[in-house]
C-alpha atoms as a PDB file:
ATOM      1  CA  MET A   1       0.000   0.000   0.000  1.00  0.00           C
ATOM      2  CA  SER A   2       1.365   3.401  -0.894  1.00  0.00           C
ATOM      3  CA  PHE A   3       2.121   6.024   1.717  1.00  0.00           C
ATOM      4  CA  TYR A   4      -0.617   8.274   0.322  1.00  0.00           C
ATOM      5  CA  ARG A   5      -3.316   5.611   0.719  1.00  0.00           C
ATOM      6  CA  TRP A   6      -2.101   4.783   4.203  1.00  0.00           C
ATOM      7  CA  ALA A   7      -2.150   8.473   5.195  1.00  0.00           C
ATOM      8  CA  MET A   8      -5.656   8.949   3.798  1.00  0.00           C
ATOM      9  CA  ARG A   9      -6.940   5.855   5.580  1.00  0.00           C
ATOM     10  CA  ASN A  10      -5.409   6.934   8.899  1.00  0.00           C
ATOM     11  CA  GLY A  11      -5.934  10.692   8.530  1.00  0.00           C
ATOM     12  CA  ALA A  12      -8.132  11.056  11.606  1.00  0.00           C
ATOM     13  CA  THR A  13      -5.600   9.280  13.806  1.00  0.00           C
ATOM     14  CA  ILE A  14      -2.741  11.344  12.401  1.00  0.00           C
ATOM     15  CA  LEU A  15      -4.633  14.591  13.022  1.00  0.00           C
ATOM     16  CA  PHE A  16      -5.601  13.508  16.532  1.00  0.00           C
ATOM     17  CA  VAL A  17      -1.997  12.730  17.456  1.00  0.00           C
ATOM     18  CA  ALA A  18      -0.904  16.026  15.895  1.00  0.00           C
ATOM     19  CA  SER A  19      -3.559  17.808  17.942  1.00  0.00           C
ATOM     20  CA  LEU A  20      -2.266  16.227  21.159  1.00  0.00           C
ATOM     21  CA  LEU A  21       1.321  17.188  20.297  1.00  0.00           C
ATOM     22  CA  ILE A  22       0.295  20.760  19.461  1.00  0.00           C
ATOM     23  CA  PHE A  23      -1.598  20.974  22.749  1.00  0.00           C
ATOM     24  CA  ALA A  24       1.326  19.630  24.796  1.00  0.00           C
ATOM     25  CA  VAL A  25       3.979  21.813  23.169  1.00  0.00           C
ATOM     26  CA  SER A  26       1.816  24.933  23.272  1.00  0.00           C
ATOM     27  CA  PHE A  27       0.893  24.354  26.921  1.00  0.00           C
ATOM     28  CA  ALA A  28       4.492  23.761  27.966  1.00  0.00           C
ATOM     29  CA  ALA A  29       5.783  26.784  26.071  1.00  0.00           C
ATOM     30  CA  THR A  30       3.091  29.081  27.423  1.00  0.00           C
ATOM     31  CA  PHE A  31       3.218  27.831  31.011  1.00  0.00           C
ATOM     32  CA  PHE A  32       6.974  27.605  31.456  1.00  0.00           C
ATOM     33  CA  VAL A  33       8.131  30.479  29.241  1.00  0.00           C
ATOM     34  CA  TYR A  34       5.352  33.059  29.190  1.00  0.00           C
ATOM     35  CA  GLY A  35       3.817  32.028  32.502  1.00  0.00           C
ATOM     36  CA  SER A  36       6.680  33.551  34.419  1.00  0.00           C
ATOM     37  CA  HIS A  37       6.095  36.870  32.652  1.00  0.00           C
ATOM     38  CA  LEU A  38       2.394  36.687  33.424  1.00  0.00           C
ATOM     39  CA  GLY A  39       3.176  35.918  37.063  1.00  0.00           C
ATOM     40  CA  ARG A  40       5.421  38.958  37.278  1.00  0.00           C
ATOM     41  CA  ALA A  41       2.712  41.128  35.718  1.00  0.00           C
ATOM     42  CA  VAL A  42       0.182  39.899  38.293  1.00  0.00           C
ATOM     43  CA  ASN A  43       2.676  40.611  41.091  1.00  0.00           C
ATOM     44  CA  GLU A  44       3.319  44.109  39.747  1.00  0.00           C
ATOM     45  CA  GLU A  45      -0.393  44.827  40.031  1.00  0.00           C
ATOM     46  CA  GLY A  46      -0.133  44.269  43.770  1.00  0.00           C
ATOM     47  CA  ILE A  47      -1.361  40.677  43.931  1.00  0.00           C
ATOM     48  CA  THR A  48       1.489  38.826  45.584  1.00  0.00           C
ATOM     49  CA  ASP A  49      -0.171  35.474  46.250  1.00  0.00           C
ATOM     50  CA  GLU A  50       1.979  32.849  44.531  1.00  0.00           C
ATOM     51  CA  LYS A  51      -0.918  30.381  44.265  1.00  0.00           C
ATOM     52  CA  LEU A  52      -2.944  32.928  42.313  1.00  0.00           C
ATOM     53  CA  SER A  53       0.005  33.525  40.013  1.00  0.00           C
ATOM     54  CA  ILE A  54       0.371  29.793  39.298  1.00  0.00           C
ATOM     55  CA  PHE A  55      -3.402  29.453  38.875  1.00  0.00           C
ATOM     56  CA  THR A  56      -3.458  32.317  36.375  1.00  0.00           C
ATOM     57  CA  SER A  57      -0.459  30.961  34.492  1.00  0.00           C
ATOM     58  CA  PHE A  58      -1.937  27.443  34.350  1.00  0.00           C
ATOM     59  CA  TRP A  59      -5.330  28.470  33.013  1.00  0.00           C
ATOM     60  CA  GLY A  60      -3.802  30.974  30.626  1.00  0.00           C
ATOM     61  CA  ALA A  61      -1.537  28.257  29.251  1.00  0.00           C
ATOM     62  CA  PHE A  62      -4.456  25.821  29.041  1.00  0.00           C
ATOM     63  CA  ALA A  63      -6.562  28.318  27.079  1.00  0.00           C
ATOM     64  CA  GLU A  64      -3.670  29.070  24.721  1.00  0.00           C
ATOM     65  CA  ALA A  65      -2.998  25.367  24.140  1.00  0.00           C
ATOM     66  CA  ALA A  66      -6.680  24.611  23.542  1.00  0.00           C
ATOM     67  CA  SER A  67      -7.019  27.435  21.040  1.00  0.00           C
ATOM     68  CA  SER A  68      -3.863  26.277  19.235  1.00  0.00           C
ATOM     69  CA  SER A  69      -4.970  22.674  18.854  1.00  0.00           C
ATOM     70  CA  VAL A  70      -8.703  23.049  18.298  1.00  0.00           C
ATOM     71  CA  TRP A  71      -8.621  23.109  14.477  1.00  0.00           C
ATOM     72  CA  SER A  72      -6.581  19.946  14.083  1.00  0.00           C
ATOM     73  CA  PHE A  73      -8.796  18.226  16.657  1.00  0.00           C
ATOM     74  CA  LEU A  74     -11.971  19.283  14.812  1.00  0.00           C
ATOM     75  CA  GLY A  75     -10.400  18.108  11.557  1.00  0.00           C
ATOM     76  CA  ALA A  76      -9.722  14.714  13.142  1.00  0.00           C
ATOM     77  CA  CYS A  77     -13.335  14.504  14.321  1.00  0.00           C
ATOM     78  CA  LEU A  78     -14.680  15.374  10.862  1.00  0.00           C
ATOM     79  CA  LEU A  79     -12.407  12.891   9.100  1.00  0.00           C
ATOM     80  CA  TYR A  80     -13.425  10.185  11.547  1.00  0.00           C
ATOM     81  CA  ARG A  81     -17.132  10.871  10.966  1.00  0.00           C
ATOM     82  CA  PHE A  82     -16.714  11.000   7.179  1.00  0.00           C
ATOM     83  CA  ASP A  83     -14.763   7.767   7.202  1.00  0.00           C
ATOM     84  CA  ARG A  84     -17.402   6.040   9.326  1.00  0.00           C
ATOM     85  CA  HIS A  85     -20.242   7.347   7.172  1.00  0.00           C
ATOM     86  CA  TRP A  86     -18.784   6.860   3.691  1.00  0.00           C
ATOM     87  CA  GLY A  87     -15.920   4.489   4.422  1.00  0.00           C
ATOM     88  CA  GLY A  88     -18.124   1.443   4.743  1.00  0.00           C
ATOM     89  CA  LYS A  89     -16.986   0.471   8.233  1.00  0.00           C
END
């Protein structure tokens, strides 16, 4: 079987794995790199609670990662549904 046919048959799985990788990399980059900047900005505003800073950094990183990976995840869902509907499985 050619690589093209294999990729088309497993497109939903490939997109899902890509979505997970995009989510993980985006979350890590945002939380560990930009999260420290966000924590400093929160502290400069007079909020010195470290737990609040970590909470803000975590949810900010989660939102950034979700928005980065949503399109590949939706593409995986659509390909899966199309394959189930028209693929004959």
